[in-house]
C-alpha atoms as a PDB file:
ATOM      1  CA  MET A   1       0.000   0.000   0.000  1.00  0.00           C
ATOM      2  CA  LYS A   2       1.499   3.318  -1.139  1.00  0.00           C
ATOM      3  CA  LEU A   3       0.545   6.725   0.178  1.00  0.00           C
ATOM      4  CA  HIS A   4       1.582   9.679  -1.981  1.00  0.00           C
ATOM      5  CA  TYR A   5       1.631  12.843   0.088  1.00  0.00           C
ATOM      6  CA  HIS A   6       3.267  16.159   0.830  1.00  0.00           C
ATOM      7  CA  PRO A   7       4.544  16.597   4.409  1.00  0.00           C
ATOM      8  CA  VAL A   8       3.034  20.068   4.940  1.00  0.00           C
ATOM      9  CA  SER A   9      -0.335  19.531   3.238  1.00  0.00           C
ATOM     10  CA  PRO A  10      -3.352  19.668   5.628  1.00  0.00           C
ATOM     11  CA  ALA A  11      -5.269  17.133   3.528  1.00  0.00           C
ATOM     12  CA  CYS A  12      -2.300  14.777   3.735  1.00  0.00           C
ATOM     13  CA  HIS A  13      -2.028  15.399   7.475  1.00  0.00           C
ATOM     14  CA  ALA A  14      -5.566  14.039   7.838  1.00  0.00           C
ATOM     15  CA  VAL A  15      -4.585  10.667   6.401  1.00  0.00           C
ATOM     16  CA  LEU A  16      -1.187  10.598   8.107  1.00  0.00           C
ATOM     17  CA  LEU A  17      -2.808  11.317  11.469  1.00  0.00           C
ATOM     18  CA  PHE A  18      -5.342   8.535  11.029  1.00  0.00           C
ATOM     19  CA  CYS A  19      -2.701   6.009   9.965  1.00  0.00           C
ATOM     20  CA  ALA A  20      -0.623   6.925  13.007  1.00  0.00           C
ATOM     21  CA  GLU A  21      -3.607   6.670  15.366  1.00  0.00           C
ATOM     22  CA  ALA A  22      -4.717   3.340  13.876  1.00  0.00           C
ATOM     23  CA  ASP A  23      -1.145   2.000  13.574  1.00  0.00           C
ATOM     24  CA  ILE A  24      -1.540   1.331   9.841  1.00  0.00           C
ATOM     25  CA  ALA A  25       1.658   0.695   7.888  1.00  0.00           C
ATOM     26  CA  TYR A  26       2.149   2.066   4.379  1.00  0.00           C
ATOM     27  CA  GLU A  27       4.899   2.841   1.906  1.00  0.00           C
ATOM     28  CA  PRO A  28       5.391   6.620   1.972  1.00  0.00           C
ATOM     29  CA  VAL A  29       5.945   8.443  -1.315  1.00  0.00           C
ATOM     30  CA  VAL A  30       6.707  12.125  -0.804  1.00  0.00           C
ATOM     31  CA  VAL A  31       5.416  14.183  -3.732  1.00  0.00           C
ATOM     32  CA  ASP A  32       7.211  17.208  -5.114  1.00  0.00           C
ATOM     33  CA  SER A  33       4.251  19.559  -5.287  1.00  0.00           C
ATOM     34  CA  SER A  34       6.145  22.033  -7.472  1.00  0.00           C
ATOM     35  CA  SER A  35       6.685  19.546 -10.284  1.00  0.00           C
ATOM     36  CA  ARG A  36       3.420  17.636  -9.791  1.00  0.00           C
ATOM     37  CA  GLU A  37       5.118  14.537 -11.134  1.00  0.00           C
ATOM     38  CA  ARG A  38       3.363  11.232 -10.634  1.00  0.00           C
ATOM     39  CA  SER A  39       4.314   7.669 -11.451  1.00  0.00           C
ATOM     40  CA  PHE A  40       0.742   6.852 -12.460  1.00  0.00           C
ATOM     41  CA  ASP A  41      -1.962   8.508 -14.514  1.00  0.00           C
ATOM     42  CA  VAL A  42      -4.357  10.132 -12.055  1.00  0.00           C
ATOM     43  CA  ARG A  43      -5.264  13.722 -11.276  1.00  0.00           C
ATOM     44  CA  THR A  44      -2.479  15.575  -9.503  1.00  0.00           C
ATOM     45  CA  LEU A  45      -4.142  15.612  -6.103  1.00  0.00           C
ATOM     46  CA  MET A  46      -2.718  14.871  -2.701  1.00  0.00           C
ATOM     47  CA  PRO A  47      -2.966  12.643  -0.835  1.00  0.00           C
ATOM     48  CA  THR A  48      -3.303   9.645  -3.139  1.00  0.00           C
ATOM     49  CA  LEU A  49      -3.566   6.053  -1.944  1.00  0.00           C
ATOM     50  CA  GLU A  50      -2.645   3.037  -4.043  1.00  0.00           C
ATOM     51  CA  ALA A  51      -3.915  -0.172  -2.459  1.00  0.00           C
ATOM     52  CA  ASP A  52      -5.067  -3.513  -3.886  1.00  0.00           C
ATOM     53  CA  GLY A  53      -5.458  -2.135  -7.393  1.00  0.00           C
ATOM     54  CA  CYS A  54      -7.485   0.807  -6.117  1.00  0.00           C
ATOM     55  CA  VAL A  55      -6.428   4.449  -6.470  1.00  0.00           C
ATOM     56  CA  LEU A  56      -8.058   7.067  -4.251  1.00  0.00           C
ATOM     57  CA  ASP A  57      -7.123  10.742  -4.346  1.00  0.00           C
ATOM     58  CA  ASN A  58      -9.546  12.291  -1.884  1.00  0.00           C
ATOM     59  CA  ALA A  59      -8.692  12.465   1.816  1.00  0.00           C
ATOM     60  CA  ALA A  60     -12.221  11.655   3.022  1.00  0.00           C
ATOM     61  CA  ASP A  61     -12.485   8.650   0.676  1.00  0.00           C
ATOM     62  CA  ILE A  62      -9.070   7.419   1.783  1.00  0.00           C
ATOM     63  CA  LEU A  63     -10.032   7.713   5.453  1.00  0.00           C
ATOM     64  CA  ARG A  64     -13.273   5.779   4.930  1.00  0.00           C
ATOM     65  CA  HIS A  65     -11.540   3.117   2.836  1.00  0.00           C
ATOM     66  CA  LEU A  66      -8.773   2.515   5.352  1.00  0.00           C
ATOM     67  CA  ALA A  67     -10.981   2.734   8.430  1.00  0.00           C
ATOM     68  CA  SER A  68     -13.482   0.253   6.980  1.00  0.00           C
ATOM     69  CA  GLY A  69     -10.807  -2.083   5.659  1.00  0.00           C
ATOM     70  CA  PHE A  70      -8.902  -2.208   8.936  1.00  0.00           C
ATOM     71  CA  GLY A  71     -11.977  -2.184  11.153  1.00  0.00           C
ATOM     72  CA  SER A  72     -10.833   0.944  12.961  1.00  0.00           C
ATOM     73  CA  SER A  73     -12.590   2.084  16.117  1.00  0.00           C
ATOM     74  CA  LEU A  74     -12.321   5.617  14.707  1.00  0.00           C
ATOM     75  CA  TYR A  75     -15.123   4.726  12.261  1.00  0.00           C
ATOM     76  CA  PRO A  76     -17.642   2.726  14.317  1.00  0.00           C
ATOM     77  CA  GLY A  77     -20.509   1.221  12.352  1.00  0.00           C
ATOM     78  CA  HIS A  78     -23.297   2.856  14.319  1.00  0.00           C
ATOM     79  CA  LEU A  79     -21.825   6.297  13.631  1.00  0.00           C
ATOM     80  CA  HIS A  80     -21.072   5.933   9.910  1.00  0.00           C
ATOM     81  CA  GLU A  81     -23.918   8.215   8.857  1.00  0.00           C
ATOM     82  CA  SER A  82     -23.046  10.946  11.348  1.00  0.00           C
ATOM     83  CA  ILE A  83     -19.326  10.797  10.555  1.00  0.00           C
ATOM     84  CA  ASP A  84     -19.937  10.871   6.797  1.00  0.00           C
ATOM     85  CA  ALA A  85     -22.268  13.860   7.193  1.00  0.00           C
ATOM     86  CA  ARG A  86     -19.690  15.771   9.216  1.00  0.00           C
ATOM     87  CA  MET A  87     -16.934  15.064   6.679  1.00  0.00           C
ATOM     88  CA  ALA A  88     -19.221  16.187   3.847  1.00  0.00           C
ATOM     89  CA  TRP A  89     -19.888  19.387   5.795  1.00  0.00           C
ATOM     90  CA  LEU A  90     -16.173  20.010   6.109  1.00  0.00           C
ATOM     91  CA  HIS A  91     -15.566  19.505   2.392  1.00  0.00           C
ATOM     92  CA  ALA A  92     -18.585  21.370   1.050  1.00  0.00           C
ATOM     93  CA  GLY A  93     -18.515  24.282   3.459  1.00  0.00           C
ATOM     94  CA  PHE A  94     -15.579  25.096   5.624  1.00  0.00           C
ATOM     95  CA  TYR A  95     -12.735  23.887   3.402  1.00  0.00           C
ATOM     96  CA  ARG A  96     -14.007  25.953   0.464  1.00  0.00           C
ATOM     97  CA  ASP A  97     -14.473  29.158   2.428  1.00  0.00           C
ATOM     98  CA  PHE A  98     -11.284  28.792   4.469  1.00  0.00           C
ATOM     99  CA  GLY A  99      -9.323  28.124   1.307  1.00  0.00           C
ATOM    100  CA  SER A 100     -10.584  31.324  -0.266  1.00  0.00           C
ATOM    101  CA  LEU A 101      -8.996  33.282   2.562  1.00  0.00           C
ATOM    102  CA  VAL A 102      -5.622  31.555   2.851  1.00  0.00           C
ATOM    103  CA  GLY A 103      -5.104  30.469  -0.751  1.00  0.00           C
ATOM    104  CA  PRO A 104      -3.824  32.480  -3.689  1.00  0.00           C
ATOM    105  CA  ALA A 105      -5.869  35.526  -4.575  1.00  0.00           C
ATOM    106  CA  GLU A 106      -8.099  35.175  -7.622  1.00  0.00           C
ATOM    107  CA  PRO A 107      -7.467  37.697 -10.380  1.00  0.00           C
ATOM    108  CA  ALA A 108     -10.214  40.265 -10.050  1.00  0.00           C
ATOM    109  CA  SER A 109     -10.918  43.940  -9.993  1.00  0.00           C
ATOM    110  CA  GLU A 110     -10.598  45.715  -6.659  1.00  0.00           C
ATOM    111  CA  THR A 111     -14.348  45.872  -6.077  1.00  0.00           C
ATOM    112  CA  THR A 112     -15.044  42.330  -7.228  1.00  0.00           C
ATOM    113  CA  GLY A 113     -12.146  40.933  -5.214  1.00  0.00           C
ATOM    114  CA  VAL A 114     -13.234  42.553  -1.973  1.00  0.00           C
ATOM    115  CA  ARG A 115     -16.846  41.495  -2.471  1.00  0.00           C
ATOM    116  CA  ARG A 116     -15.868  37.893  -3.178  1.00  0.00           C
ATOM    117  CA  LEU A 117     -13.540  37.659  -0.182  1.00  0.00           C
ATOM    118  CA  THR A 118     -16.043  39.314   2.128  1.00  0.00           C
ATOM    119  CA  GLY A 119     -18.775  36.850   1.185  1.00  0.00           C
ATOM    120  CA  ARG A 120     -16.588  33.807   1.631  1.00  0.00           C
ATOM    121  CA  ARG A 121     -15.117  35.189   4.856  1.00  0.00           C
ATOM    122  CA  ASP A 122     -18.532  35.743   6.394  1.00  0.00           C
ATOM    123  CA  GLN A 123     -19.715  32.262   5.367  1.00  0.00           C
ATOM    124  CA  MET A 124     -16.627  30.703   6.910  1.00  0.00           C
ATOM    125  CA  LEU A 125     -17.023  32.596  10.167  1.00  0.00           C
ATOM    126  CA  GLN A 126     -20.670  31.598  10.410  1.00  0.00           C
ATOM    127  CA  LEU A 127     -19.628  27.963   9.983  1.00  0.00           C
ATOM    128  CA  LEU A 128     -17.064  28.447  12.742  1.00  0.00           C
ATOM    129  CA  MET A 129     -19.709  29.943  14.982  1.00  0.00           C
ATOM    130  CA  ALA A 130     -22.074  27.048  14.299  1.00  0.00           C
ATOM    131  CA  LEU A 131     -19.358  24.579  15.192  1.00  0.00           C
ATOM    132  CA  ASP A 132     -18.289  26.472  18.303  1.00  0.00           C
ATOM    133  CA  ARG A 133     -21.735  27.277  19.673  1.00  0.00           C
ATOM    134  CA  GLY A 134     -23.395  24.106  18.487  1.00  0.00           C
ATOM    135  CA  THR A 135     -21.526  20.835  17.975  1.00  0.00           C
ATOM    136  CA  LEU A 136     -18.480  21.483  20.149  1.00  0.00           C
ATOM    137  CA  ARG A 137     -20.387  23.237  22.909  1.00  0.00           C
ATOM    138  CA  THR A 138     -21.940  19.955  24.041  1.00  0.00           C
ATOM    139  CA  GLN A 139     -19.379  17.336  23.013  1.00  0.00           C
ATOM    140  CA  ARG A 140     -15.611  16.861  22.958  1.00  0.00           C
ATOM    141  CA  TYR A 141     -15.181  15.894  19.311  1.00  0.00           C
ATOM    142  CA  LEU A 142     -16.925  16.449  15.994  1.00  0.00           C
ATOM    143  CA  VAL A 143     -19.062  13.326  16.378  1.00  0.00           C
ATOM    144  CA  GLY A 144     -19.626  12.569  20.049  1.00  0.00           C
ATOM    145  CA  ASP A 145     -17.102  12.368  22.855  1.00  0.00           C
ATOM    146  CA  SER A 146     -14.567  10.096  21.165  1.00  0.00           C
ATOM    147  CA  MET A 147     -12.196  10.836  18.315  1.00  0.00           C
ATOM    148  CA  THR A 148     -13.275   9.657  14.846  1.00  0.00           C
ATOM    149  CA  ILE A 149     -12.006  10.005  11.293  1.00  0.00           C
ATOM    150  CA  ALA A 150     -14.060  13.213  11.071  1.00  0.00           C
ATOM    151  CA  ASP A 151     -11.626  14.757  13.564  1.00  0.00           C
ATOM    152  CA  CYS A 152      -8.697  13.455  11.525  1.00  0.00           C
ATOM    153  CA  LEU A 153     -10.128  15.224   8.479  1.00  0.00           C
ATOM    154  CA  GLY A 154     -11.127  18.469  10.174  1.00  0.00           C
ATOM    155  CA  ALA A 155      -8.370  19.064  12.685  1.00  0.00           C
ATOM    156  CA  PRO A 156      -5.454  19.672  10.268  1.00  0.00           C
ATOM    157  CA  ILE A 157      -7.209  22.562   8.517  1.00  0.00           C
ATOM    158  CA  PHE A 158      -8.263  24.133  11.814  1.00  0.00           C
ATOM    159  CA  GLY A 159      -4.792  23.405  13.118  1.00  0.00           C
ATOM    160  CA  LEU A 160      -3.368  25.902  10.650  1.00  0.00           C
ATOM    161  CA  ASP A 161      -4.355  28.674  13.055  1.00  0.00           C
ATOM    162  CA  GLU A 162      -0.860  28.954  14.525  1.00  0.00           C
ATOM    163  CA  LEU A 163       0.984  28.491  11.241  1.00  0.00           C
ATOM    164  CA  LEU A 164      -1.119  31.161   9.514  1.00  0.00           C
ATOM    165  CA  ASP A 165      -1.503  33.430  12.538  1.00  0.00           C
ATOM    166  CA  ILE A 166      -5.291  33.098  12.698  1.00  0.00           C
ATOM    167  CA  ARG A 167      -6.918  33.809  16.044  1.00  0.00           C
ATOM    168  CA  LEU A 168      -9.339  31.289  17.528  1.00  0.00           C
ATOM    169  CA  ASP A 169      -9.704  33.040  20.864  1.00  0.00           C
ATOM    170  CA  HIS A 170     -13.284  34.019  19.997  1.00  0.00           C
ATOM    171  CA  PHE A 171     -14.103  30.366  19.328  1.00  0.00           C
ATOM    172  CA  PRO A 172     -13.247  28.751  22.699  1.00  0.00           C
ATOM    173  CA  ASN A 173     -14.814  25.369  21.987  1.00  0.00           C
ATOM    174  CA  VAL A 174     -13.029  25.051  18.649  1.00  0.00           C
ATOM    175  CA  ALA A 175      -9.789  26.073  20.365  1.00  0.00           C
ATOM    176  CA  ARG A 176     -10.363  23.480  23.110  1.00  0.00           C
ATOM    177  CA  TRP A 177     -10.984  20.748  20.531  1.00  0.00           C
ATOM    178  CA  ILE A 178      -7.817  21.608  18.609  1.00  0.00           C
ATOM    179  CA  ALA A 179      -5.802  21.793  21.836  1.00  0.00           C
ATOM    180  CA  ALA A 180      -6.946  18.293  22.826  1.00  0.00           C
ATOM    181  CA  LEU A 181      -5.846  16.882  19.480  1.00  0.00           C
ATOM    182  CA  ARG A 182      -2.545  18.717  19.630  1.00  0.00           C
ATOM    183  CA  ARG A 183      -1.772  16.951  22.895  1.00  0.00           C
ATOM    184  CA  ARG A 184      -1.857  13.578  21.168  1.00  0.00           C
ATOM    185  CA  PRO A 185       1.682  12.265  20.499  1.00  0.00           C
ATOM    186  CA  ASN A 186       0.826  11.415  16.893  1.00  0.00           C
ATOM    187  CA  TRP A 187      -0.195  15.004  16.166  1.00  0.00           C
ATOM    188  CA  LYS A 188       3.316  16.178  16.952  1.00  0.00           C
ATOM    189  CA  LYS A 189       4.879  13.540  14.726  1.00  0.00           C
ATOM    190  CA  VAL A 190       2.612  14.246  11.758  1.00  0.00           C
ATOM    191  CA  HIS A 191       2.880  18.025  12.028  1.00  0.00           C
ATOM    192  CA  ALA A 192       6.623  18.173  12.727  1.00  0.00           C
ATOM    193  CA  PRO A 193       7.489  19.438   9.184  1.00  0.00           C
ATOM    194  CA  SER A 194       4.906  22.240   9.403  1.00  0.00           C
ATOM    195  CA  THR A 195       6.029  23.169  12.903  1.00  0.00           C
ATOM    196  CA  ALA A 196       9.636  23.354  11.729  1.00  0.00           C
ATOM    197  CA  LEU A 197       8.583  25.482   8.767  1.00  0.00           C
ATOM    198  CA  ALA A 198       6.724  27.955  10.975  1.00  0.00           C
ATOM    199  CA  ALA A 199       9.724  28.203  13.319  1.00  0.00           C
ATOM    200  CA  ALA A 200      12.224  28.819  10.525  1.00  0.00           C
ATOM    201  CA  PRO A 201      13.944  32.228  10.556  1.00  0.00           C
ATOM    202  CA  GLY A 202      12.166  34.674   8.315  1.00  0.00           C
ATOM    203  CA  TRP A 203       9.116  32.435   7.802  1.00  0.00           C
ATOM    204  CA  ASP A 204       6.108  34.326   6.491  1.00  0.00           C
ATOM    205  CA  TRP A 205       3.123  32.276   5.382  1.00  0.00           C
ATOM    206  CA  ARG A 206       2.173  35.104   3.033  1.00  0.00           C
ATOM    207  CA  SER A 207       5.245  34.567   0.885  1.00  0.00           C
ATOM    208  CA  GLY A 208       3.551  31.729  -0.952  1.00  0.00           C
ATOM    209  CA  TYR A 209       0.371  33.699  -1.583  1.00  0.00           C
ATOM    210  CA  GLY A 210       1.548  37.295  -1.998  1.00  0.00           C
ATOM    211  CA  ALA A 211       2.669  39.545   0.827  1.00  0.00           C
ATOM    212  CA  SER A 212      -0.627  41.399   0.797  1.00  0.00           C
ATOM    213  CA  GLN A 213      -2.860  38.586   2.001  1.00  0.00           C
ATOM    214  CA  ARG A 214      -2.547  38.736   5.762  1.00  0.00           C
ATOM    215  CA  ARG A 215      -6.002  38.343   7.279  1.00  0.00           C
ATOM    216  CA  SER A 216      -7.013  38.236  10.932  1.00  0.00           C
ATOM    217  CA  LEU A 217     -10.452  37.050  12.007  1.00  0.00           C
ATOM    218  CA  ALA A 218     -12.537  38.390  14.848  1.00  0.00           C
ATOM    219  CA  LEU A 219     -15.933  37.732  16.408  1.00  0.00           C
ATOM    220  CA  SER A 220     -17.750  40.576  18.139  1.00  0.00           C
ATOM    221  CA  GLY A 221     -20.811  39.847  20.260  1.00  0.00           C
ATOM    222  CA  SER A 222     -23.383  37.833  18.340  1.00  0.00           C
ATOM    223  CA  SER A 223     -22.386  39.195  14.946  1.00  0.00           C
ATOM    224  CA  VAL A 224     -19.646  37.981  12.649  1.00  0.00           C
ATOM    225  CA  SER A 225     -16.999  40.446  11.593  1.00  0.00           C
ATOM    226  CA  SER A 226     -13.474  40.356  10.257  1.00  0.00           C
ATOM    227  CA  VAL A 227     -10.563  42.626   9.595  1.00  0.00           C
ATOM    228  CA  ILE A 228      -8.697  42.362   6.314  1.00  0.00           C
ATOM    229  CA  ASP A 229      -5.341  44.051   6.659  1.00  0.00           C
ATOM    230  CA  SER A 230      -4.187  44.201   3.078  1.00  0.00           C
ATOM    231  CA  ASP A 231      -2.066  46.471   0.956  1.00  0.00           C
ATOM    232  CA  CYS A 232      -3.630  45.377  -2.325  1.00  0.00           C
ATOM    233  CA  TRP A 233      -7.325  46.162  -1.819  1.00  0.00           C
END
């Protein structure tokens, strides 16, 4: 079983974290994301799993495939529907809106660019509020009080808060959830490359996306707001 991944990719961290938690062995293949070279003809997505003639290149699909195949307690049968729904929520909602804020800026006019970012930003913050004041207010993890593959999928993207200098202090339940996962020994192993990157002299996460894209998020009272500190808008 081969796992093609990049050591600082959040989507790859999801699969790496699960494999570490479930003690699943695999042949690691580190991908050069700049060249996008692959030894097989699939879309250039990471992570990609090659196992038993099957090729999967979606983190959620890989997690389900491995958890089902190895009978992992992180994907218990009676919670399949709830776990799948939470992972779909992460993919369809939060990942898209978060990515619009931390990814490369889309070419657009000044007015169009601000409008697009503002809409996505507000959607993302409302999702964060729903998670903080709803799901994680009454339970320890995304699906109940025990860790599941939904946490493996969601935690790495939320765990970028320190690397990207995003404040979660207004989302105490989200911050508590992330802190609990960060205390797990496997989290430190999986995220060691990203931690080293963030600690490197002169590191600036904006360098990969343009020095103008620093964004800090804030929550005031019951309303969602944000501050975009940018020299390009």
